[in-house]
Amino acid sequence: MRFIGMLDSPSVRRVAVSLRLPDLPFEHRSISAFREMPAFAAINPAIKAPSLVCDDGSVFLDSMLILPLA
């Protein structure tokens, strides 16, 4: 899994901690939705952080959708 978002966001930090607690394997990519908009849009066209890209290619783009997965 790839976890996308800047850790200066409270939502991104909350999800990052929640993914670490059960020791889920994931790669964190610190991509700014503002400064790196084209790169972020390539991952998530809604340009919403945090975003979680699963191994099967599914993209979850809201902390309330990602947290139940953790």
PDB file of N, CA and C in Angstrom:
ATOM      1  N   MET A   1       0.835  -1.174   0.000  1.00  0.00           N
ATOM      2  CA  MET A   1       0.000   0.000   0.000  1.00  0.00           C
ATOM      3  C   MET A   1       0.882   1.241   0.000  1.00  0.00           C
ATOM      4  N   ARG A   2       0.356   2.289  -0.616  1.00  0.00           N
ATOM      5  CA  ARG A   2       1.018   3.593  -0.593  1.00  0.00           C
ATOM      6  C   ARG A   2       0.089   4.578   0.095  1.00  0.00           C
ATOM      7  N   PHE A   3       0.613   5.296   1.036  1.00  0.00           N
ATOM      8  CA  PHE A   3      -0.137   6.299   1.771  1.00  0.00           C
ATOM      9  C   PHE A   3       0.380   7.660   1.340  1.00  0.00           C
ATOM     10  N   ILE A   4      -0.514   8.503   0.829  1.00  0.00           N
ATOM     11  CA  ILE A   4      -0.124   9.773   0.243  1.00  0.00           C
ATOM     12  C   ILE A   4      -0.661  10.927   1.089  1.00  0.00           C
ATOM     13  N   GLY A   5       0.222  11.854   1.440  1.00  0.00           N
ATOM     14  CA  GLY A   5      -0.209  13.046   2.153  1.00  0.00           C
ATOM     15  C   GLY A   5       0.916  13.638   2.977  1.00  0.00           C
ATOM     16  N   MET A   6       0.791  14.919   3.248  1.00  0.00           N
ATOM     17  CA  MET A   6       1.780  15.638   4.039  1.00  0.00           C
ATOM     18  C   MET A   6       1.437  15.492   5.521  1.00  0.00           C
ATOM     19  N   LEU A   7       2.438  15.208   6.332  1.00  0.00           N
ATOM     20  CA  LEU A   7       2.209  14.981   7.752  1.00  0.00           C
ATOM     21  C   LEU A   7       1.893  16.257   8.529  1.00  0.00           C
ATOM     22  N   ASP A   8       1.873  17.404   7.873  1.00  0.00           N
ATOM     23  CA  ASP A   8       1.458  18.620   8.576  1.00  0.00           C
ATOM     24  C   ASP A   8      -0.066  18.707   8.699  1.00  0.00           C
ATOM     25  N   SER A   9      -0.774  17.809   8.026  1.00  0.00           N
ATOM     26  CA  SER A   9      -2.228  17.750   8.110  1.00  0.00           C
ATOM     27  C   SER A   9      -2.648  16.825   9.256  1.00  0.00           C
ATOM     28  N   PRO A  10      -3.552  17.272  10.135  1.00  0.00           N
ATOM     29  CA  PRO A  10      -4.015  16.407  11.223  1.00  0.00           C
ATOM     30  C   PRO A  10      -4.668  15.114  10.729  1.00  0.00           C
ATOM     31  N   SER A  11      -5.402  15.192   9.622  1.00  0.00           N
ATOM     32  CA  SER A  11      -6.047  13.988   9.078  1.00  0.00           C
ATOM     33  C   SER A  11      -5.016  12.983   8.595  1.00  0.00           C
ATOM     34  N   VAL A  12      -3.987  13.466   7.944  1.00  0.00           N
ATOM     35  CA  VAL A  12      -2.926  12.591   7.441  1.00  0.00           C
ATOM     36  C   VAL A  12      -2.186  11.950   8.615  1.00  0.00           C
ATOM     37  N   ARG A  13      -1.867  12.733   9.636  1.00  0.00           N
ATOM     38  CA  ARG A  13      -1.178  12.181  10.815  1.00  0.00           C
ATOM     39  C   ARG A  13      -2.026  11.130  11.506  1.00  0.00           C
ATOM     40  N   ARG A  14      -3.321  11.390  11.660  1.00  0.00           N
ATOM     41  CA  ARG A  14      -4.218  10.439  12.328  1.00  0.00           C
ATOM     42  C   ARG A  14      -4.234   9.098  11.593  1.00  0.00           C
ATOM     43  N   VAL A  15      -4.316   9.138  10.276  1.00  0.00           N
ATOM     44  CA  VAL A  15      -4.345   7.897   9.503  1.00  0.00           C
ATOM     45  C   VAL A  15      -2.978   7.211   9.545  1.00  0.00           C
ATOM     46  N   ALA A  16      -1.885   7.975   9.478  1.00  0.00           N
ATOM     47  CA  ALA A  16      -0.546   7.383   9.530  1.00  0.00           C
ATOM     48  C   ALA A  16      -0.344   6.626  10.836  1.00  0.00           C
ATOM     49  N   VAL A  17      -0.752   7.216  11.940  1.00  0.00           N
ATOM     50  CA  VAL A  17      -0.632   6.536  13.239  1.00  0.00           C
ATOM     51  C   VAL A  17      -1.507   5.295  13.260  1.00  0.00           C
ATOM     52  N   SER A  18      -2.717   5.402  12.734  1.00  0.00           N
ATOM     53  CA  SER A  18      -3.636   4.256  12.726  1.00  0.00           C
ATOM     54  C   SER A  18      -3.128   3.111  11.864  1.00  0.00           C
ATOM     55  N   LEU A  19      -2.386   3.410  10.810  1.00  0.00           N
ATOM     56  CA  LEU A  19      -1.807   2.353   9.977  1.00  0.00           C
ATOM     57  C   LEU A  19      -0.607   1.715  10.661  1.00  0.00           C
ATOM     58  N   ARG A  20       0.113   2.491  11.455  1.00  0.00           N
ATOM     59  CA  ARG A  20       1.305   1.965  12.149  1.00  0.00           C
ATOM     60  C   ARG A  20       0.949   1.074  13.338  1.00  0.00           C
ATOM     61  N   LEU A  21      -0.120   1.398  14.056  1.00  0.00           N
ATOM     62  CA  LEU A  21      -0.453   0.657  15.275  1.00  0.00           C
ATOM     63  C   LEU A  21      -0.618  -0.847  15.040  1.00  0.00           C
ATOM     64  N   PRO A  22      -1.387  -1.278  14.026  1.00  0.00           N
ATOM     65  CA  PRO A  22      -1.487  -2.721  13.783  1.00  0.00           C
ATOM     66  C   PRO A  22      -0.319  -3.262  12.945  1.00  0.00           C
ATOM     67  N   ASP A  23       0.684  -2.414  12.705  1.00  0.00           N
ATOM     68  CA  ASP A  23       1.887  -2.796  11.964  1.00  0.00           C
ATOM     69  C   ASP A  23       1.582  -3.191  10.512  1.00  0.00           C
ATOM     70  N   LEU A  24       0.670  -2.454   9.888  1.00  0.00           N
ATOM     71  CA  LEU A  24       0.362  -2.698   8.477  1.00  0.00           C
ATOM     72  C   LEU A  24       1.506  -2.192   7.607  1.00  0.00           C
ATOM     73  N   PRO A  25       1.914  -2.965   6.630  1.00  0.00           N
ATOM     74  CA  PRO A  25       2.996  -2.502   5.752  1.00  0.00           C
ATOM     75  C   PRO A  25       2.472  -1.470   4.748  1.00  0.00           C
ATOM     76  N   PHE A  26       3.121  -0.308   4.717  1.00  0.00           N
ATOM     77  CA  PHE A  26       2.748   0.718   3.750  1.00  0.00           C
ATOM     78  C   PHE A  26       3.947   1.621   3.511  1.00  0.00           C
ATOM     79  N   GLU A  27       3.909   2.267   2.366  1.00  0.00           N
ATOM     80  CA  GLU A  27       4.936   3.235   1.998  1.00  0.00           C
ATOM     81  C   GLU A  27       4.303   4.621   2.074  1.00  0.00           C
ATOM     82  N   HIS A  28       4.905   5.510   2.822  1.00  0.00           N
ATOM     83  CA  HIS A  28       4.387   6.877   2.921  1.00  0.00           C
ATOM     84  C   HIS A  28       5.069   7.751   1.880  1.00  0.00           C
ATOM     85  N   ARG A  29       4.276   8.466   1.106  1.00  0.00           N
ATOM     86  CA  ARG A  29       4.809   9.422   0.131  1.00  0.00           C
ATOM     87  C   ARG A  29       4.278  10.800   0.490  1.00  0.00           C
ATOM     88  N   SER A  30       5.179  11.683   0.804  1.00  0.00           N
ATOM     89  CA  SER A  30       4.830  13.039   1.207  1.00  0.00           C
ATOM     90  C   SER A  30       4.703  13.909  -0.042  1.00  0.00           C
ATOM     91  N   ILE A  31       3.499  13.940  -0.602  1.00  0.00           N
ATOM     92  CA  ILE A  31       3.228  14.738  -1.803  1.00  0.00           C
ATOM     93  C   ILE A  31       2.209  15.798  -1.417  1.00  0.00           C
ATOM     94  N   SER A  32       2.520  17.042  -1.700  1.00  0.00           N
ATOM     95  CA  SER A  32       1.632  18.157  -1.362  1.00  0.00           C
ATOM     96  C   SER A  32       0.531  18.284  -2.417  1.00  0.00           C
ATOM     97  N   ALA A  33      -0.702  18.364  -1.945  1.00  0.00           N
ATOM     98  CA  ALA A  33      -1.838  18.540  -2.860  1.00  0.00           C
ATOM     99  C   ALA A  33      -1.820  19.933  -3.491  1.00  0.00           C
ATOM    100  N   PHE A  34      -1.085  20.856  -2.895  1.00  0.00           N
ATOM    101  CA  PHE A  34      -1.036  22.224  -3.409  1.00  0.00           C
ATOM    102  C   PHE A  34       0.212  22.472  -4.254  1.00  0.00           C
ATOM    103  N   ARG A  35       1.383  22.183  -3.695  1.00  0.00           N
ATOM    104  CA  ARG A  35       2.635  22.460  -4.413  1.00  0.00           C
ATOM    105  C   ARG A  35       2.899  21.479  -5.540  1.00  0.00           C
ATOM    106  N   GLU A  36       2.395  20.249  -5.413  1.00  0.00           N
ATOM    107  CA  GLU A  36       2.649  19.219  -6.422  1.00  0.00           C
ATOM    108  C   GLU A  36       1.333  18.682  -6.978  1.00  0.00           C
ATOM    109  N   MET A  37       0.451  19.592  -7.337  1.00  0.00           N
ATOM    110  CA  MET A  37      -0.890  19.219  -7.774  1.00  0.00           C
ATOM    111  C   MET A  37      -0.908  18.217  -8.937  1.00  0.00           C
ATOM    112  N   PRO A  38      -0.108  18.374 -10.001  1.00  0.00           N
ATOM    113  CA  PRO A  38      -0.145  17.388 -11.087  1.00  0.00           C
ATOM    114  C   PRO A  38       0.246  15.975 -10.621  1.00  0.00           C
ATOM    115  N   ALA A  39       1.250  15.879  -9.765  1.00  0.00           N
ATOM    116  CA  ALA A  39       1.663  14.562  -9.250  1.00  0.00           C
ATOM    117  C   ALA A  39       0.576  13.960  -8.374  1.00  0.00           C
ATOM    118  N   PHE A  40      -0.058  14.792  -7.542  1.00  0.00           N
ATOM    119  CA  PHE A  40      -1.128  14.305  -6.678  1.00  0.00           C
ATOM    120  C   PHE A  40      -2.340  13.896  -7.509  1.00  0.00           C
ATOM    121  N   ALA A  41      -2.679  14.690  -8.524  1.00  0.00           N
ATOM    122  CA  ALA A  41      -3.831  14.384  -9.378  1.00  0.00           C
ATOM    123  C   ALA A  41      -3.631  13.089 -10.155  1.00  0.00           C
ATOM    124  N   ALA A  42      -2.389  12.739 -10.463  1.00  0.00           N
ATOM    125  CA  ALA A  42      -2.122  11.477 -11.161  1.00  0.00           C
ATOM    126  C   ALA A  42      -2.453  10.284 -10.268  1.00  0.00           C
ATOM    127  N   ILE A  43      -2.323  10.452  -8.974  1.00  0.00           N
ATOM    128  CA  ILE A  43      -2.637   9.385  -8.021  1.00  0.00           C
ATOM    129  C   ILE A  43      -4.109   9.410  -7.661  1.00  0.00           C
ATOM    130  N   ASN A  44      -4.623  10.608  -7.428  1.00  0.00           N
ATOM    131  CA  ASN A  44      -5.991  10.784  -6.979  1.00  0.00           C
ATOM    132  C   ASN A  44      -6.574  12.017  -7.667  1.00  0.00           C
ATOM    133  N   PRO A  45      -7.398  11.838  -8.703  1.00  0.00           N
ATOM    134  CA  PRO A  45      -7.941  12.975  -9.447  1.00  0.00           C
ATOM    135  C   PRO A  45      -8.758  13.947  -8.593  1.00  0.00           C
ATOM    136  N   ALA A  46      -9.277  13.493  -7.463  1.00  0.00           N
ATOM    137  CA  ALA A  46     -10.037  14.387  -6.576  1.00  0.00           C
ATOM    138  C   ALA A  46      -9.109  15.315  -5.787  1.00  0.00           C
ATOM    139  N   ILE A  47      -7.816  15.033  -5.815  1.00  0.00           N
ATOM    140  CA  ILE A  47      -6.785  15.822  -5.126  1.00  0.00           C
ATOM    141  C   ILE A  47      -7.177  16.033  -3.659  1.00  0.00           C
ATOM    142  N   LYS A  48      -7.432  14.928  -2.985  1.00  0.00           N
ATOM    143  CA  LYS A  48      -7.853  14.964  -1.585  1.00  0.00           C
ATOM    144  C   LYS A  48      -6.888  14.130  -0.753  1.00  0.00           C
ATOM    145  N   ALA A  49      -6.390  14.737   0.323  1.00  0.00           N
ATOM    146  CA  ALA A  49      -5.465  14.047   1.211  1.00  0.00           C
ATOM    147  C   ALA A  49      -6.159  13.797   2.543  1.00  0.00           C
ATOM    148  N   PRO A  50      -5.898  12.689   3.165  1.00  0.00           N
ATOM    149  CA  PRO A  50      -4.974  11.643   2.767  1.00  0.00           C
ATOM    150  C   PRO A  50      -5.578  10.729   1.710  1.00  0.00           C
ATOM    151  N   SER A  51      -4.705  10.052   0.992  1.00  0.00           N
ATOM    152  CA  SER A  51      -5.111   9.058   0.006  1.00  0.00           C
ATOM    153  C   SER A  51      -4.360   7.773   0.286  1.00  0.00           C
ATOM    154  N   LEU A  52      -5.055   6.665   0.152  1.00  0.00           N
ATOM    155  CA  LEU A  52      -4.446   5.357   0.337  1.00  0.00           C
ATOM    156  C   LEU A  52      -4.627   4.577  -0.952  1.00  0.00           C
ATOM    157  N   VAL A  53      -3.517   4.159  -1.552  1.00  0.00           N
ATOM    158  CA  VAL A  53      -3.558   3.373  -2.782  1.00  0.00           C
ATOM    159  C   VAL A  53      -3.242   1.931  -2.393  1.00  0.00           C
ATOM    160  N   CYS A  54      -4.229   1.060  -2.558  1.00  0.00           N
ATOM    161  CA  CYS A  54      -4.057  -0.355  -2.193  1.00  0.00           C
ATOM    162  C   CYS A  54      -3.290  -1.091  -3.285  1.00  0.00           C
ATOM    163  N   ASP A  55      -2.820  -2.272  -2.942  1.00  0.00           N
ATOM    164  CA  ASP A  55      -2.036  -3.063  -3.889  1.00  0.00           C
ATOM    165  C   ASP A  55      -2.826  -3.422  -5.146  1.00  0.00           C
ATOM    166  N   ASP A  56      -4.154  -3.512  -5.037  1.00  0.00           N
ATOM    167  CA  ASP A  56      -4.962  -3.849  -6.213  1.00  0.00           C
ATOM    168  C   ASP A  56      -5.307  -2.619  -7.062  1.00  0.00           C
ATOM    169  N   GLY A  57      -4.808  -1.434  -6.649  1.00  0.00           N
ATOM    170  CA  GLY A  57      -5.044  -0.211  -7.396  1.00  0.00           C
ATOM    171  C   GLY A  57      -6.198   0.623  -6.891  1.00  0.00           C
ATOM    172  N   SER A  58      -6.974   0.113  -5.941  1.00  0.00           N
ATOM    173  CA  SER A  58      -8.069   0.882  -5.351  1.00  0.00           C
ATOM    174  C   SER A  58      -7.505   2.092  -4.621  1.00  0.00           C
ATOM    175  N   VAL A  59      -8.208   3.217  -4.728  1.00  0.00           N
ATOM    176  CA  VAL A  59      -7.769   4.444  -4.064  1.00  0.00           C
ATOM    177  C   VAL A  59      -8.867   4.900  -3.107  1.00  0.00           C
ATOM    178  N   PHE A  60      -8.511   5.031  -1.845  1.00  0.00           N
ATOM    179  CA  PHE A  60      -9.414   5.551  -0.824  1.00  0.00           C
ATOM    180  C   PHE A  60      -8.946   6.950  -0.492  1.00  0.00           C
ATOM    181  N   LEU A  61      -9.879   7.921  -0.452  1.00  0.00           N
ATOM    182  CA  LEU A  61      -9.446   9.299  -0.385  1.00  0.00           C
ATOM    183  C   LEU A  61     -10.069  10.107   0.730  1.00  0.00           C
ATOM    184  N   ASP A  62     -10.399   9.492   1.801  1.00  0.00           N
ATOM    185  CA  ASP A  62     -10.913  10.226   2.942  1.00  0.00           C
ATOM    186  C   ASP A  62     -10.512   9.475   4.198  1.00  0.00           C
ATOM    187  N   SER A  63     -10.099  10.195   5.220  1.00  0.00           N
ATOM    188  CA  SER A  63      -9.633   9.520   6.431  1.00  0.00           C
ATOM    189  C   SER A  63     -10.725   8.638   7.032  1.00  0.00           C
ATOM    190  N   MET A  64     -11.978   9.036   6.933  1.00  0.00           N
ATOM    191  CA  MET A  64     -13.060   8.225   7.487  1.00  0.00           C
ATOM    192  C   MET A  64     -13.295   6.947   6.691  1.00  0.00           C
ATOM    193  N   LEU A  65     -12.838   6.891   5.449  1.00  0.00           N
ATOM    194  CA  LEU A  65     -12.903   5.652   4.669  1.00  0.00           C
ATOM    195  C   LEU A  65     -11.656   4.794   4.891  1.00  0.00           C
ATOM    196  N   ILE A  66     -10.531   5.436   5.136  1.00  0.00           N
ATOM    197  CA  ILE A  66      -9.274   4.710   5.307  1.00  0.00           C
ATOM    198  C   ILE A  66      -9.200   4.084   6.693  1.00  0.00           C
ATOM    199  N   LEU A  67      -9.633   4.778   7.719  1.00  0.00           N
ATOM    200  CA  LEU A  67      -9.478   4.292   9.097  1.00  0.00           C
ATOM    201  C   LEU A  67     -10.119   2.936   9.354  1.00  0.00           C
ATOM    202  N   PRO A  68     -11.311   2.621   8.813  1.00  0.00           N
ATOM    203  CA  PRO A  68     -11.858   1.281   9.042  1.00  0.00           C
ATOM    204  C   PRO A  68     -11.003   0.165   8.430  1.00  0.00           C
ATOM    205  N   LEU A  69     -10.172   0.500   7.441  1.00  0.00           N
ATOM    206  CA  LEU A  69      -9.299  -0.512   6.830  1.00  0.00           C
ATOM    207  C   LEU A  69      -8.137  -0.875   7.743  1.00  0.00           C
ATOM    208  N   ALA A  70      -7.770   0.054   8.618  1.00  0.00           N
ATOM    209  CA  ALA A  70      -6.614  -0.147   9.500  1.00  0.00           C
ATOM    210  C   ALA A  70      -6.991  -1.015  10.633  1.00  0.00           C
TER     211      ALA A  70
END
